[in-house]
Amino acid sequence: MAQKEYAGKMIELDDNGYFTNPDEWSKEIAAEMAKENGEELSDKHFEVLEFIRNKIKEGSSLTIRSIGKSGITDIKGFYKLFPGAPLKKATLYAGVSKPSSCV
């Protein structure tokens, strides 16, 4: 495990860079993480991140399809918001563990 400073706060991360404690998350930390990757988060990004955090708190499984059915964005829009590996990137910025469906 490692620690990294985001938004003036030391965050515990696992070996893949995901939060070990989702309660440490904040919008400021997510924005800083995205900035490190050359991305800027919009209000729509944060809506998706909040949806992900709520689903995880409920104990629901998380898939690209469930995000596409969220009413926030469709699957195509999700890929545009988080290009490359959308579920990996979105869960990373949402401060939750990497989903088991992500390799």
PDB file of N, CA and C in Angstrom:
ATOM      1  N   MET A   1       0.839  -1.184   0.000  1.00  0.00           N
ATOM      2  CA  MET A   1       0.000   0.000   0.000  1.00  0.00           C
ATOM      3  C   MET A   1       0.879   1.240   0.000  1.00  0.00           C
ATOM      4  N   ALA A   2       0.310   2.296  -0.495  1.00  0.00           N
ATOM      5  CA  ALA A   2       1.061   3.541  -0.611  1.00  0.00           C
ATOM      6  C   ALA A   2       0.208   4.695  -0.119  1.00  0.00           C
ATOM      7  N   GLN A   3       0.870   5.800   0.080  1.00  0.00           N
ATOM      8  CA  GLN A   3       0.180   7.039   0.425  1.00  0.00           C
ATOM      9  C   GLN A   3       0.527   8.077  -0.630  1.00  0.00           C
ATOM     10  N   LYS A   4      -0.442   8.916  -0.909  1.00  0.00           N
ATOM     11  CA  LYS A   4      -0.213  10.004  -1.846  1.00  0.00           C
ATOM     12  C   LYS A   4      -0.993  11.213  -1.363  1.00  0.00           C
ATOM     13  N   GLU A   5      -0.423  12.390  -1.582  1.00  0.00           N
ATOM     14  CA  GLU A   5      -1.106  13.617  -1.165  1.00  0.00           C
ATOM     15  C   GLU A   5      -1.931  14.172  -2.312  1.00  0.00           C
ATOM     16  N   TYR A   6      -3.209  14.381  -2.024  1.00  0.00           N
ATOM     17  CA  TYR A   6      -4.137  15.031  -2.945  1.00  0.00           C
ATOM     18  C   TYR A   6      -4.871  16.110  -2.169  1.00  0.00           C
ATOM     19  N   ALA A   7      -4.961  17.281  -2.739  1.00  0.00           N
ATOM     20  CA  ALA A   7      -5.699  18.397  -2.134  1.00  0.00           C
ATOM     21  C   ALA A   7      -5.293  18.608  -0.678  1.00  0.00           C
ATOM     22  N   GLY A   8      -3.998  18.468  -0.404  1.00  0.00           N
ATOM     23  CA  GLY A   8      -3.475  18.716   0.938  1.00  0.00           C
ATOM     24  C   GLY A   8      -3.764  17.630   1.954  1.00  0.00           C
ATOM     25  N   LYS A   9      -4.208  16.461   1.488  1.00  0.00           N
ATOM     26  CA  LYS A   9      -4.561  15.378   2.415  1.00  0.00           C
ATOM     27  C   LYS A   9      -3.857  14.093   1.974  1.00  0.00           C
ATOM     28  N   MET A  10      -3.253  13.381   2.924  1.00  0.00           N
ATOM     29  CA  MET A  10      -2.607  12.107   2.613  1.00  0.00           C
ATOM     30  C   MET A  10      -3.672  11.022   2.484  1.00  0.00           C
ATOM     31  N   ILE A  11      -3.647  10.316   1.370  1.00  0.00           N
ATOM     32  CA  ILE A  11      -4.638   9.297   1.058  1.00  0.00           C
ATOM     33  C   ILE A  11      -3.944   7.941   0.965  1.00  0.00           C
ATOM     34  N   GLU A  12      -4.531   6.937   1.608  1.00  0.00           N
ATOM     35  CA  GLU A  12      -4.035   5.559   1.515  1.00  0.00           C
ATOM     36  C   GLU A  12      -4.558   4.953   0.221  1.00  0.00           C
ATOM     37  N   LEU A  13      -3.637   4.408  -0.567  1.00  0.00           N
ATOM     38  CA  LEU A  13      -3.994   3.804  -1.841  1.00  0.00           C
ATOM     39  C   LEU A  13      -3.516   2.356  -1.890  1.00  0.00           C
ATOM     40  N   ASP A  14      -4.238   1.525  -2.635  1.00  0.00           N
ATOM     41  CA  ASP A  14      -3.776   0.152  -2.810  1.00  0.00           C
ATOM     42  C   ASP A  14      -2.701   0.124  -3.893  1.00  0.00           C
ATOM     43  N   ASP A  15      -2.248  -1.063  -4.250  1.00  0.00           N
ATOM     44  CA  ASP A  15      -1.163  -1.192  -5.225  1.00  0.00           C
ATOM     45  C   ASP A  15      -1.537  -0.716  -6.627  1.00  0.00           C
ATOM     46  N   ASN A  16      -2.842  -0.607  -6.896  1.00  0.00           N
ATOM     47  CA  ASN A  16      -3.303  -0.136  -8.200  1.00  0.00           C
ATOM     48  C   ASN A  16      -3.670   1.349  -8.195  1.00  0.00           C
ATOM     49  N   GLY A  17      -3.497   2.029  -7.060  1.00  0.00           N
ATOM     50  CA  GLY A  17      -3.784   3.452  -6.963  1.00  0.00           C
ATOM     51  C   GLY A  17      -5.202   3.790  -6.552  1.00  0.00           C
ATOM     52  N   TYR A  18      -5.984   2.770  -6.155  1.00  0.00           N
ATOM     53  CA  TYR A  18      -7.364   2.996  -5.717  1.00  0.00           C
ATOM     54  C   TYR A  18      -7.407   3.236  -4.209  1.00  0.00           C
ATOM     55  N   PHE A  19      -8.372   4.022  -3.775  1.00  0.00           N
ATOM     56  CA  PHE A  19      -8.542   4.339  -2.358  1.00  0.00           C
ATOM     57  C   PHE A  19      -8.737   3.055  -1.547  1.00  0.00           C
ATOM     58  N   THR A  20      -8.132   3.002  -0.377  1.00  0.00           N
ATOM     59  CA  THR A  20      -8.416   1.901   0.544  1.00  0.00           C
ATOM     60  C   THR A  20      -9.561   2.285   1.472  1.00  0.00           C
ATOM     61  N   ASN A  21      -9.802   3.597   1.628  1.00  0.00           N
ATOM     62  CA  ASN A  21     -10.890   4.085   2.464  1.00  0.00           C
ATOM     63  C   ASN A  21     -11.717   5.101   1.658  1.00  0.00           C
ATOM     64  N   PRO A  22     -12.865   4.667   1.117  1.00  0.00           N
ATOM     65  CA  PRO A  22     -13.677   5.570   0.299  1.00  0.00           C
ATOM     66  C   PRO A  22     -14.152   6.826   1.028  1.00  0.00           C
ATOM     67  N   ASP A  23     -14.164   6.799   2.359  1.00  0.00           N
ATOM     68  CA  ASP A  23     -14.606   7.966   3.122  1.00  0.00           C
ATOM     69  C   ASP A  23     -13.629   9.138   3.030  1.00  0.00           C
ATOM     70  N   GLU A  24     -12.419   8.887   2.547  1.00  0.00           N
ATOM     71  CA  GLU A  24     -11.433   9.961   2.396  1.00  0.00           C
ATOM     72  C   GLU A  24     -11.665  10.790   1.129  1.00  0.00           C
ATOM     73  N   TRP A  25     -12.580  10.357   0.282  1.00  0.00           N
ATOM     74  CA  TRP A  25     -12.821  10.995  -1.010  1.00  0.00           C
ATOM     75  C   TRP A  25     -13.446  12.380  -0.859  1.00  0.00           C
ATOM     76  N   SER A  26     -13.102  13.250  -1.791  1.00  0.00           N
ATOM     77  CA  SER A  26     -13.769  14.548  -1.930  1.00  0.00           C
ATOM     78  C   SER A  26     -13.707  14.950  -3.398  1.00  0.00           C
ATOM     79  N   LYS A  27     -14.534  15.887  -3.776  1.00  0.00           N
ATOM     80  CA  LYS A  27     -14.523  16.375  -5.156  1.00  0.00           C
ATOM     81  C   LYS A  27     -13.172  16.997  -5.499  1.00  0.00           C
ATOM     82  N   GLU A  28     -12.575  17.655  -4.527  1.00  0.00           N
ATOM     83  CA  GLU A  28     -11.275  18.300  -4.749  1.00  0.00           C
ATOM     84  C   GLU A  28     -10.204  17.259  -5.061  1.00  0.00           C
ATOM     85  N   ILE A  29     -10.244  16.144  -4.340  1.00  0.00           N
ATOM     86  CA  ILE A  29      -9.276  15.070  -4.568  1.00  0.00           C
ATOM     87  C   ILE A  29      -9.498  14.471  -5.953  1.00  0.00           C
ATOM     88  N   ALA A  30     -10.759  14.220  -6.309  1.00  0.00           N
ATOM     89  CA  ALA A  30     -11.071  13.662  -7.632  1.00  0.00           C
ATOM     90  C   ALA A  30     -10.569  14.588  -8.736  1.00  0.00           C
ATOM     91  N   ALA A  31     -10.793  15.882  -8.573  1.00  0.00           N
ATOM     92  CA  ALA A  31     -10.352  16.851  -9.579  1.00  0.00           C
ATOM     93  C   ALA A  31      -8.839  16.848  -9.714  1.00  0.00           C
ATOM     94  N   GLU A  32      -8.149  16.726  -8.601  1.00  0.00           N
ATOM     95  CA  GLU A  32      -6.686  16.705  -8.632  1.00  0.00           C
ATOM     96  C   GLU A  32      -6.164  15.427  -9.289  1.00  0.00           C
ATOM     97  N   MET A  33      -6.814  14.311  -9.006  1.00  0.00           N
ATOM     98  CA  MET A  33      -6.427  13.037  -9.641  1.00  0.00           C
ATOM     99  C   MET A  33      -6.606  13.133 -11.157  1.00  0.00           C
ATOM    100  N   ALA A  34      -7.727  13.686 -11.577  1.00  0.00           N
ATOM    101  CA  ALA A  34      -7.991  13.827 -13.010  1.00  0.00           C
ATOM    102  C   ALA A  34      -6.972  14.759 -13.659  1.00  0.00           C
ATOM    103  N   LYS A  35      -6.662  15.842 -12.973  1.00  0.00           N
ATOM    104  CA  LYS A  35      -5.698  16.811 -13.511  1.00  0.00           C
ATOM    105  C   LYS A  35      -4.343  16.148 -13.754  1.00  0.00           C
ATOM    106  N   GLU A  36      -3.956  15.224 -12.866  1.00  0.00           N
ATOM    107  CA  GLU A  36      -2.700  14.486 -13.053  1.00  0.00           C
ATOM    108  C   GLU A  36      -2.703  13.713 -14.372  1.00  0.00           C
ATOM    109  N   ASN A  37      -3.891  13.321 -14.813  1.00  0.00           N
ATOM    110  CA  ASN A  37      -4.031  12.571 -16.063  1.00  0.00           C
ATOM    111  C   ASN A  37      -4.393  13.478 -17.234  1.00  0.00           C
ATOM    112  N   GLY A  38      -4.273  14.791 -17.036  1.00  0.00           N
ATOM    113  CA  GLY A  38      -4.540  15.738 -18.105  1.00  0.00           C
ATOM    114  C   GLY A  38      -6.021  15.921 -18.411  1.00  0.00           C
ATOM    115  N   GLU A  39      -6.871  15.632 -17.416  1.00  0.00           N
ATOM    116  CA  GLU A  39      -8.314  15.736 -17.612  1.00  0.00           C
ATOM    117  C   GLU A  39      -8.911  16.739 -16.636  1.00  0.00           C
ATOM    118  N   GLU A  40     -10.021  17.328 -17.052  1.00  0.00           N
ATOM    119  CA  GLU A  40     -10.742  18.247 -16.177  1.00  0.00           C
ATOM    120  C   GLU A  40     -12.156  17.710 -15.997  1.00  0.00           C
ATOM    121  N   LEU A  41     -12.604  17.633 -14.753  1.00  0.00           N
ATOM    122  CA  LEU A  41     -13.914  17.072 -14.452  1.00  0.00           C
ATOM    123  C   LEU A  41     -14.993  18.151 -14.481  1.00  0.00           C
ATOM    124  N   SER A  42     -16.086  17.821 -15.158  1.00  0.00           N
ATOM    125  CA  SER A  42     -17.236  18.725 -15.262  1.00  0.00           C
ATOM    126  C   SER A  42     -18.306  18.295 -14.260  1.00  0.00           C
ATOM    127  N   ASP A  43     -19.383  19.058 -14.208  1.00  0.00           N
ATOM    128  CA  ASP A  43     -20.508  18.681 -13.349  1.00  0.00           C
ATOM    129  C   ASP A  43     -21.051  17.305 -13.728  1.00  0.00           C
ATOM    130  N   LYS A  44     -21.075  16.985 -15.019  1.00  0.00           N
ATOM    131  CA  LYS A  44     -21.559  15.682 -15.492  1.00  0.00           C
ATOM    132  C   LYS A  44     -20.652  14.559 -14.973  1.00  0.00           C
ATOM    133  N   HIS A  45     -19.340  14.786 -14.978  1.00  0.00           N
ATOM    134  CA  HIS A  45     -18.411  13.807 -14.404  1.00  0.00           C
ATOM    135  C   HIS A  45     -18.771  13.545 -12.937  1.00  0.00           C
ATOM    136  N   PHE A  46     -18.985  14.623 -12.202  1.00  0.00           N
ATOM    137  CA  PHE A  46     -19.269  14.469 -10.774  1.00  0.00           C
ATOM    138  C   PHE A  46     -20.613  13.777 -10.531  1.00  0.00           C
ATOM    139  N   GLU A  47     -21.578  13.981 -11.415  1.00  0.00           N
ATOM    140  CA  GLU A  47     -22.846  13.249 -11.289  1.00  0.00           C
ATOM    141  C   GLU A  47     -22.604  11.753 -11.408  1.00  0.00           C
ATOM    142  N   VAL A  48     -21.775  11.369 -12.370  1.00  0.00           N
ATOM    143  CA  VAL A  48     -21.445   9.952 -12.557  1.00  0.00           C
ATOM    144  C   VAL A  48     -20.674   9.421 -11.350  1.00  0.00           C
ATOM    145  N   LEU A  49     -19.711  10.192 -10.859  1.00  0.00           N
ATOM    146  CA  LEU A  49     -18.918   9.752  -9.698  1.00  0.00           C
ATOM    147  C   LEU A  49     -19.802   9.557  -8.475  1.00  0.00           C
ATOM    148  N   GLU A  50     -20.744  10.452  -8.257  1.00  0.00           N
ATOM    149  CA  GLU A  50     -21.676  10.308  -7.123  1.00  0.00           C
ATOM    150  C   GLU A  50     -22.566   9.076  -7.299  1.00  0.00           C
ATOM    151  N   PHE A  51     -23.015   8.823  -8.521  1.00  0.00           N
ATOM    152  CA  PHE A  51     -23.816   7.641  -8.810  1.00  0.00           C
ATOM    153  C   PHE A  51     -23.019   6.381  -8.451  1.00  0.00           C
ATOM    154  N   ILE A  52     -21.766   6.340  -8.877  1.00  0.00           N
ATOM    155  CA  ILE A  52     -20.900   5.194  -8.583  1.00  0.00           C
ATOM    156  C   ILE A  52     -20.736   5.017  -7.083  1.00  0.00           C
ATOM    157  N   ARG A  53     -20.452   6.097  -6.383  1.00  0.00           N
ATOM    158  CA  ARG A  53     -20.255   6.017  -4.932  1.00  0.00           C
ATOM    159  C   ARG A  53     -21.524   5.507  -4.241  1.00  0.00           C
ATOM    160  N   ASN A  54     -22.686   5.985  -4.676  1.00  0.00           N
ATOM    161  CA  ASN A  54     -23.943   5.540  -4.074  1.00  0.00           C
ATOM    162  C   ASN A  54     -24.208   4.068  -4.351  1.00  0.00           C
ATOM    163  N   LYS A  55     -23.934   3.617  -5.566  1.00  0.00           N
ATOM    164  CA  LYS A  55     -24.133   2.207  -5.909  1.00  0.00           C
ATOM    165  C   LYS A  55     -23.246   1.300  -5.057  1.00  0.00           C
ATOM    166  N   ILE A  56     -22.010   1.717  -4.865  1.00  0.00           N
ATOM    167  CA  ILE A  56     -21.074   0.922  -4.060  1.00  0.00           C
ATOM    168  C   ILE A  56     -21.535   0.889  -2.608  1.00  0.00           C
ATOM    169  N   LYS A  57     -21.978   2.028  -2.075  1.00  0.00           N
ATOM    170  CA  LYS A  57     -22.483   2.064  -0.689  1.00  0.00           C
ATOM    171  C   LYS A  57     -23.679   1.152  -0.501  1.00  0.00           C
ATOM    172  N   GLU A  58     -24.527   1.048  -1.540  1.00  0.00           N
ATOM    173  CA  GLU A  58     -25.699   0.168  -1.493  1.00  0.00           C
ATOM    174  C   GLU A  58     -25.321  -1.303  -1.593  1.00  0.00           C
ATOM    175  N   GLY A  59     -24.079  -1.570  -2.002  1.00  0.00           N
ATOM    176  CA  GLY A  59     -23.645  -2.945  -2.188  1.00  0.00           C
ATOM    177  C   GLY A  59     -24.017  -3.508  -3.549  1.00  0.00           C
ATOM    178  N   SER A  60     -24.415  -2.641  -4.469  1.00  0.00           N
ATOM    179  CA  SER A  60     -24.798  -3.066  -5.814  1.00  0.00           C
ATOM    180  C   SER A  60     -23.562  -3.310  -6.663  1.00  0.00           C
ATOM    181  N   SER A  61     -23.710  -4.225  -7.615  1.00  0.00           N
ATOM    182  CA  SER A  61     -22.601  -4.441  -8.540  1.00  0.00           C
ATOM    183  C   SER A  61     -22.581  -3.292  -9.539  1.00  0.00           C
ATOM    184  N   LEU A  62     -21.410  -3.005 -10.034  1.00  0.00           N
ATOM    185  CA  LEU A  62     -21.227  -1.855 -10.900  1.00  0.00           C
ATOM    186  C   LEU A  62     -20.758  -2.331 -12.262  1.00  0.00           C
ATOM    187  N   THR A  63     -21.470  -1.933 -13.289  1.00  0.00           N
ATOM    188  CA  THR A  63     -21.094  -2.267 -14.655  1.00  0.00           C
ATOM    189  C   THR A  63     -21.261  -1.026 -15.528  1.00  0.00           C
ATOM    190  N   ILE A  64     -20.645  -1.074 -16.688  1.00  0.00           N
ATOM    191  CA  ILE A  64     -20.817   0.017 -17.640  1.00  0.00           C
ATOM    192  C   ILE A  64     -22.292   0.125 -18.014  1.00  0.00           C
ATOM    193  N   ARG A  65     -22.943  -1.014 -18.144  1.00  0.00           N
ATOM    194  CA  ARG A  65     -24.360  -1.017 -18.500  1.00  0.00           C
ATOM    195  C   ARG A  65     -25.213  -0.318 -17.442  1.00  0.00           C
ATOM    196  N   SER A  66     -24.911  -0.564 -16.155  1.00  0.00           N
ATOM    197  CA  SER A  66     -25.702   0.080 -15.098  1.00  0.00           C
ATOM    198  C   SER A  66     -25.510   1.589 -15.110  1.00  0.00           C
ATOM    199  N   ILE A  67     -24.329   2.033 -15.456  1.00  0.00           N
ATOM    200  CA  ILE A  67     -24.091   3.472 -15.562  1.00  0.00           C
ATOM    201  C   ILE A  67     -24.853   4.032 -16.761  1.00  0.00           C
ATOM    202  N   GLY A  68     -24.872   3.266 -17.848  1.00  0.00           N
ATOM    203  CA  GLY A  68     -25.611   3.673 -19.033  1.00  0.00           C
ATOM    204  C   GLY A  68     -27.112   3.772 -18.796  1.00  0.00           C
ATOM    205  N   LYS A  69     -27.611   3.008 -17.829  1.00  0.00           N
ATOM    206  CA  LYS A  69     -29.035   3.035 -17.498  1.00  0.00           C
ATOM    207  C   LYS A  69     -29.346   3.973 -16.334  1.00  0.00           C
ATOM    208  N   SER A  70     -28.353   4.697 -15.866  1.00  0.00           N
ATOM    209  CA  SER A  70     -28.503   5.558 -14.688  1.00  0.00           C
ATOM    210  C   SER A  70     -29.392   6.774 -14.924  1.00  0.00           C
ATOM    211  N   GLY A  71     -29.543   7.161 -16.176  1.00  0.00           N
ATOM    212  CA  GLY A  71     -30.275   8.381 -16.481  1.00  0.00           C
ATOM    213  C   GLY A  71     -29.372   9.606 -16.495  1.00  0.00           C
ATOM    214  N   ILE A  72     -28.128   9.423 -16.114  1.00  0.00           N
ATOM    215  CA  ILE A  72     -27.154  10.529 -16.113  1.00  0.00           C
ATOM    216  C   ILE A  72     -26.509  10.644 -17.488  1.00  0.00           C
ATOM    217  N   THR A  73     -26.122   9.500 -18.019  1.00  0.00           N
ATOM    218  CA  THR A  73     -25.487   9.451 -19.331  1.00  0.00           C
ATOM    219  C   THR A  73     -25.760   8.086 -19.934  1.00  0.00           C
ATOM    220  N   ASP A  74     -25.651   8.010 -21.252  1.00  0.00           N
ATOM    221  CA  ASP A  74     -25.747   6.694 -21.878  1.00  0.00           C
ATOM    222  C   ASP A  74     -24.336   6.110 -21.973  1.00  0.00           C
ATOM    223  N   ILE A  75     -24.230   4.901 -22.490  1.00  0.00           N
ATOM    224  CA  ILE A  75     -22.927   4.228 -22.538  1.00  0.00           C
ATOM    225  C   ILE A  75     -21.944   5.003 -23.408  1.00  0.00           C
ATOM    226  N   LYS A  76     -22.409   5.492 -24.530  1.00  0.00           N
ATOM    227  CA  LYS A  76     -21.540   6.274 -25.425  1.00  0.00           C
ATOM    228  C   LYS A  76     -21.029   7.527 -24.712  1.00  0.00           C
ATOM    229  N   GLY A  77     -21.915   8.197 -23.990  1.00  0.00           N
ATOM    230  CA  GLY A  77     -21.525   9.380 -23.235  1.00  0.00           C
ATOM    231  C   GLY A  77     -20.544   9.060 -22.125  1.00  0.00           C
ATOM    232  N   PHE A  78     -20.712   7.889 -21.496  1.00  0.00           N
ATOM    233  CA  PHE A  78     -19.798   7.453 -20.437  1.00  0.00           C
ATOM    234  C   PHE A  78     -18.389   7.284 -20.996  1.00  0.00           C
ATOM    235  N   TYR A  79     -18.282   6.696 -22.185  1.00  0.00           N
ATOM    236  CA  TYR A  79     -16.976   6.532 -22.829  1.00  0.00           C
ATOM    237  C   TYR A  79     -16.362   7.882 -23.196  1.00  0.00           C
ATOM    238  N   LYS A  80     -17.194   8.850 -23.542  1.00  0.00           N
ATOM    239  CA  LYS A  80     -16.677  10.187 -23.854  1.00  0.00           C
ATOM    240  C   LYS A  80     -16.188  10.901 -22.593  1.00  0.00           C
ATOM    241  N   LEU A  81     -16.915  10.715 -21.493  1.00  0.00           N
ATOM    242  CA  LEU A  81     -16.522  11.356 -20.237  1.00  0.00           C
ATOM    243  C   LEU A  81     -15.217  10.783 -19.690  1.00  0.00           C
ATOM    244  N   PHE A  82     -15.073   9.459 -19.799  1.00  0.00           N
ATOM    245  CA  PHE A  82     -13.908   8.768 -19.244  1.00  0.00           C
ATOM    246  C   PHE A  82     -13.279   7.904 -20.339  1.00  0.00           C
ATOM    247  N   PRO A  83     -12.594   8.534 -21.311  1.00  0.00           N
ATOM    248  CA  PRO A  83     -12.050   7.783 -22.445  1.00  0.00           C
ATOM    249  C   PRO A  83     -10.976   6.776 -22.026  1.00  0.00           C
ATOM    250  N   GLY A  84     -10.874   5.736 -22.833  1.00  0.00           N
ATOM    251  CA  GLY A  84      -9.874   4.710 -22.558  1.00  0.00           C
ATOM    252  C   GLY A  84     -10.496   3.537 -21.838  1.00  0.00           C
ATOM    253  N   ALA A  85     -10.414   3.559 -20.543  1.00  0.00           N
ATOM    254  CA  ALA A  85     -10.987   2.515 -19.696  1.00  0.00           C
ATOM    255  C   ALA A  85     -11.986   3.187 -18.757  1.00  0.00           C
ATOM    256  N   PRO A  86     -13.209   3.440 -19.210  1.00  0.00           N
ATOM    257  CA  PRO A  86     -14.131   4.289 -18.455  1.00  0.00           C
ATOM    258  C   PRO A  86     -14.465   3.801 -17.050  1.00  0.00           C
ATOM    259  N   LEU A  87     -14.700   2.521 -16.875  1.00  0.00           N
ATOM    260  CA  LEU A  87     -15.082   2.047 -15.548  1.00  0.00           C
ATOM    261  C   LEU A  87     -13.900   2.110 -14.583  1.00  0.00           C
ATOM    262  N   LYS A  88     -12.728   1.751 -15.062  1.00  0.00           N
ATOM    263  CA  LYS A  88     -11.521   1.843 -14.221  1.00  0.00           C
ATOM    264  C   LYS A  88     -11.268   3.287 -13.799  1.00  0.00           C
ATOM    265  N   LYS A  89     -11.314   4.176 -14.783  1.00  0.00           N
ATOM    266  CA  LYS A  89     -11.015   5.582 -14.529  1.00  0.00           C
ATOM    267  C   LYS A  89     -12.070   6.210 -13.610  1.00  0.00           C
ATOM    268  N   ALA A  90     -13.342   5.932 -13.882  1.00  0.00           N
ATOM    269  CA  ALA A  90     -14.424   6.525 -13.089  1.00  0.00           C
ATOM    270  C   ALA A  90     -14.388   6.031 -11.647  1.00  0.00           C
ATOM    271  N   THR A  91     -14.130   4.740 -11.435  1.00  0.00           N
ATOM    272  CA  THR A  91     -14.066   4.233 -10.055  1.00  0.00           C
ATOM    273  C   THR A  91     -12.838   4.777  -9.337  1.00  0.00           C
ATOM    274  N   LEU A  92     -11.756   4.959 -10.070  1.00  0.00           N
ATOM    275  CA  LEU A  92     -10.556   5.546  -9.472  1.00  0.00           C
ATOM    276  C   LEU A  92     -10.865   6.951  -8.971  1.00  0.00           C
ATOM    277  N   TYR A  93     -11.472   7.787  -9.837  1.00  0.00           N
ATOM    278  CA  TYR A  93     -11.799   9.155  -9.459  1.00  0.00           C
ATOM    279  C   TYR A  93     -12.910   9.223  -8.410  1.00  0.00           C
ATOM    280  N   ALA A  94     -13.752   8.186  -8.353  1.00  0.00           N
ATOM    281  CA  ALA A  94     -14.846   8.149  -7.371  1.00  0.00           C
ATOM    282  C   ALA A  94     -14.363   7.699  -5.991  1.00  0.00           C
ATOM    283  N   GLY A  95     -13.130   7.275  -5.903  1.00  0.00           N
ATOM    284  CA  GLY A  95     -12.567   6.908  -4.606  1.00  0.00           C
ATOM    285  C   GLY A  95     -13.048   5.571  -4.078  1.00  0.00           C
ATOM    286  N   VAL A  96     -13.420   4.665  -4.985  1.00  0.00           N
ATOM    287  CA  VAL A  96     -13.873   3.334  -4.575  1.00  0.00           C
ATOM    288  C   VAL A  96     -12.915   2.288  -5.154  1.00  0.00           C
ATOM    289  N   SER A  97     -13.067   1.060  -4.705  1.00  0.00           N
ATOM    290  CA  SER A  97     -12.211  -0.021  -5.195  1.00  0.00           C
ATOM    291  C   SER A  97     -12.479  -0.299  -6.660  1.00  0.00           C
ATOM    292  N   LYS A  98     -11.455  -0.820  -7.319  1.00  0.00           N
ATOM    293  CA  LYS A  98     -11.600  -1.213  -8.715  1.00  0.00           C
ATOM    294  C   LYS A  98     -12.598  -2.367  -8.785  1.00  0.00           C
ATOM    295  N   PRO A  99     -13.587  -2.271  -9.677  1.00  0.00           N
ATOM    296  CA  PRO A  99     -14.561  -3.354  -9.791  1.00  0.00           C
ATOM    297  C   PRO A  99     -13.896  -4.661 -10.224  1.00  0.00           C
ATOM    298  N   SER A 100     -14.417  -5.765  -9.740  1.00  0.00           N
ATOM    299  CA  SER A 100     -13.841  -7.070 -10.072  1.00  0.00           C
ATOM    300  C   SER A 100     -13.960  -7.366 -11.561  1.00  0.00           C
ATOM    301  N   SER A 101     -14.905  -6.699 -12.245  1.00  0.00           N
ATOM    302  CA  SER A 101     -15.066  -6.907 -13.687  1.00  0.00           C
ATOM    303  C   SER A 101     -13.955  -6.247 -14.506  1.00  0.00           C
ATOM    304  N   CYS A 102     -13.165  -5.377 -13.875  1.00  0.00           N
ATOM    305  CA  CYS A 102     -12.062  -4.698 -14.575  1.00  0.00           C
ATOM    306  C   CYS A 102     -10.788  -5.506 -14.393  1.00  0.00           C
ATOM    307  N   VAL A 103     -10.113  -5.717 -15.514  1.00  0.00           N
ATOM    308  CA  VAL A 103      -8.859  -6.471 -15.465  1.00  0.00           C
ATOM    309  C   VAL A 103      -7.700  -5.529 -15.311  1.00  0.00           C
TER     310      VAL A 103
END
